[in-house]
Amino acid sequence: MIDAIKDDTPLCLSDAAALAFPHGGMTARVLRREAVKGTLAVSRIAGKDYTTLAAIRGMIERCRVEAKAHGLWLKPAKGPRRSIGPKDGKRRTSTGGGPSELEAAERKLREYLANKYQLPRIKQRDPSDVRVADVIKIYADDVASGDSRDREAS
C-alpha cells in the first residue's frame, strides 16, 4: 500500500504526519496549525482535512530558518570612542578597540568561534554519525598541531 502513495496522493493529516515524519514529533494537530498559518496546503473533503507529501515538502521549505551569521559588528559610539567585536546571532562582545583595530577583532572572532563549538569525542559510534568537519578538526587539533595522542602513548 505504501508503494501506491505518490507525492500528490491525498492523505489524512495523521497519516501524512506519520509518513513524512517517521521518527515522530509531528501530529495531525500540528499540521492543522500550519494550515491555519498558511504554510501547509490542505483540502477539506467531507469535513476532513487532507494534504499531500508534496505539500508537506513545501511547508518544510517555507518554514526553513536561516542560520544567524557570525561576524564583526561596529558598536555605536558612546562618547569619543567606537568599538568593534564579534557578533554571534544576538550575542555581541567587544574587543575594546575601535575600527582601526580590525585585525585584533578578526582574531578575537576566530578564537570565539573555535571555543564555541566543543567537539564530541565519543568512542565506539557508527561512522555514519561522525561529521566530516569533526574528523578534519580532530586531525587539525591532534595531528597537524603536533599534539598527537599517539606520541603521548609512546
Protein backbone atom coordinates (compact mmCIF):
# COMPACT_ATOMS: atom_id res chain seq x y z
CA MET A 1 0.00 0.00 0.00
CA ILE A 2 2.82 2.44 0.78
CA ASP A 3 4.11 1.93 -2.76
CA ALA A 4 0.79 3.32 -4.04
CA ILE A 5 1.34 6.64 -2.25
CA LYS A 6 2.64 9.29 -4.64
CA ASP A 7 3.61 12.91 -3.98
CA ASP A 8 0.11 14.08 -4.90
CA THR A 9 -1.90 11.36 -3.11
CA PRO A 10 -4.36 12.95 -0.64
CA LEU A 11 -3.60 11.76 2.89
CA CYS A 12 -5.46 12.46 6.11
CA LEU A 13 -3.30 14.61 8.36
CA SER A 14 -2.47 11.85 10.85
CA ASP A 15 -1.27 9.53 8.07
CA ALA A 16 0.64 12.37 6.40
CA ALA A 17 2.38 13.20 9.69
CA ALA A 18 3.36 9.56 10.23
CA LEU A 19 4.69 9.14 6.67
CA ALA A 20 6.50 12.45 6.34
CA PHE A 21 7.96 12.37 9.88
CA PRO A 22 8.57 8.66 10.59
CA HIS A 23 10.61 9.39 13.73
CA GLY A 24 7.73 11.26 15.35
CA GLY A 25 7.42 14.80 16.57
CA MET A 26 4.71 15.76 14.09
CA THR A 27 0.99 15.25 14.64
CA ALA A 28 -2.21 15.98 12.77
CA ARG A 29 -2.82 18.82 15.22
CA VAL A 30 0.50 20.49 14.37
CA LEU A 31 -0.15 20.08 10.63
CA ARG A 32 -3.61 21.63 11.09
CA ARG A 33 -1.99 24.59 12.90
CA GLU A 34 0.44 25.03 9.97
CA ALA A 35 -2.54 25.00 7.58
CA VAL A 36 -4.21 27.78 9.60
CA LYS A 37 -0.96 29.80 9.41
CA GLY A 38 -0.95 29.29 5.64
CA THR A 39 2.28 27.30 5.42
CA LEU A 40 0.62 23.96 4.56
CA ALA A 41 -1.83 23.41 1.70
CA VAL A 42 -4.84 21.41 2.94
CA SER A 43 -8.03 20.26 1.22
CA ARG A 44 -11.21 19.79 3.25
CA ILE A 45 -13.31 16.93 1.88
CA ALA A 46 -16.45 15.85 3.72
CA GLY A 47 -15.31 17.74 6.82
CA LYS A 48 -11.91 16.03 6.94
CA ASP A 49 -8.55 17.65 6.22
CA TYR A 50 -6.19 16.10 3.67
CA THR A 51 -2.74 17.06 2.42
CA THR A 52 -0.02 15.55 0.23
CA LEU A 53 3.63 14.71 0.75
CA ALA A 54 4.49 17.38 -1.83
CA ALA A 55 2.56 19.95 0.22
CA ILE A 56 4.48 18.90 3.35
CA ARG A 57 7.79 19.32 1.49
CA GLY A 58 6.65 22.82 0.50
CA MET A 59 5.75 23.56 4.13
CA ILE A 60 9.19 22.44 5.27
CA GLU A 61 10.82 24.80 2.75
CA ARG A 62 8.61 27.72 3.81
CA CYS A 63 9.40 27.04 7.49
CA ARG A 64 13.16 26.83 6.98
CA VAL A 65 15.06 29.12 9.34
CA GLU A 66 18.25 30.73 8.13
CA ALA A 67 21.26 30.37 10.39
CA LYS A 68 22.29 33.54 12.14
CA ALA A 69 25.53 34.84 10.74
CA HIS A 70 28.73 35.17 12.68
CA GLY A 71 30.72 38.25 12.00
CA LEU A 72 32.01 41.53 13.30
CA TRP A 73 29.92 44.48 14.39
CA LEU A 74 30.79 48.09 14.96
CA LYS A 75 29.35 49.29 18.23
CA PRO A 76 27.86 52.79 18.02
CA ALA A 77 29.94 55.47 19.67
CA LYS A 78 29.26 56.24 23.31
CA GLY A 79 31.40 59.20 23.96
CA PRO A 80 34.55 59.71 21.93
CA ARG A 81 35.18 56.06 21.00
CA ARG A 82 33.50 53.36 18.88
CA SER A 83 34.20 49.68 19.48
CA ILE A 84 34.38 46.63 17.20
CA GLY A 85 33.91 42.97 18.13
CA PRO A 86 32.48 39.52 17.31
CA LYS A 87 28.75 39.05 16.71
CA ASP A 88 27.03 35.66 17.05
CA GLY A 89 23.32 35.99 16.37
CA LYS A 90 22.08 38.34 19.07
CA ARG A 91 25.20 37.96 21.24
CA ARG A 92 27.79 40.67 20.76
CA THR A 93 31.11 41.11 22.50
CA SER A 94 33.56 43.93 22.23
CA THR A 95 37.32 43.89 21.81
CA GLY A 96 37.50 47.34 23.33
CA GLY A 97 39.30 48.56 20.22
CA GLY A 98 37.97 50.81 17.52
CA PRO A 99 37.63 50.33 13.76
CA SER A 100 41.36 50.84 13.30
CA GLU A 101 41.98 47.59 15.22
CA LEU A 102 40.14 45.33 12.76
CA GLU A 103 42.87 42.67 12.77
CA ALA A 104 42.55 42.18 16.54
CA ALA A 105 38.78 41.95 16.22
CA GLU A 106 39.08 39.30 13.48
CA ARG A 107 41.46 37.30 15.68
CA LYS A 108 39.01 37.52 18.59
CA LEU A 109 36.19 36.32 16.30
CA ARG A 110 38.26 33.29 15.22
CA GLU A 111 39.02 32.45 18.87
CA TYR A 112 35.38 32.89 19.86
CA LEU A 113 34.13 30.56 17.09
CA ALA A 114 36.82 27.94 17.84
CA ASN A 115 35.91 27.91 21.55
CA LYS A 116 32.16 27.94 20.92
CA TYR A 117 32.00 24.51 19.29
CA GLN A 118 33.02 21.71 21.62
CA LEU A 119 33.90 18.71 19.52
CA PRO A 120 32.18 15.49 20.62
CA ARG A 121 34.78 12.77 21.17
CA ILE A 122 32.59 9.71 21.52
CA LYS A 123 34.26 6.35 21.01
CA GLN A 124 32.56 3.28 19.58
CA ARG A 125 29.96 5.08 17.46
CA ASP A 126 28.67 4.37 13.99
CA PRO A 127 30.95 6.05 11.41
CA SER A 128 27.89 7.41 9.58
CA ASP A 129 27.14 9.51 12.69
CA VAL A 130 30.52 11.29 12.52
CA ARG A 131 30.59 14.59 10.65
CA VAL A 132 33.42 15.09 8.17
CA ALA A 133 34.08 18.54 9.65
CA ASP A 134 34.62 16.89 13.06
CA VAL A 135 37.16 14.47 11.60
CA ILE A 136 39.07 17.33 9.98
CA LYS A 137 39.03 19.35 13.23
CA ILE A 138 40.26 16.38 15.28
CA TYR A 139 43.06 15.84 12.75
CA ALA A 140 43.98 19.53 12.80
CA ASP A 141 43.91 19.69 16.60
CA ASP A 142 45.74 16.44 17.33
CA VAL A 143 47.99 15.64 14.40
CA ALA A 144 48.66 18.80 12.41
CA SER A 145 49.31 20.87 15.54
CA GLY A 146 51.88 18.32 16.75
CA ASP A 147 49.85 17.24 19.79
CA SER A 148 49.14 13.73 18.53
CA ARG A 149 47.75 11.37 21.14
CA ASP A 150 49.88 8.66 19.51
CA ARG A 151 53.01 10.44 20.72
CA GLU A 152 51.56 10.71 24.23
CA ALA A 153 51.05 6.96 24.33
CA SER A 154 54.63 6.15 23.27
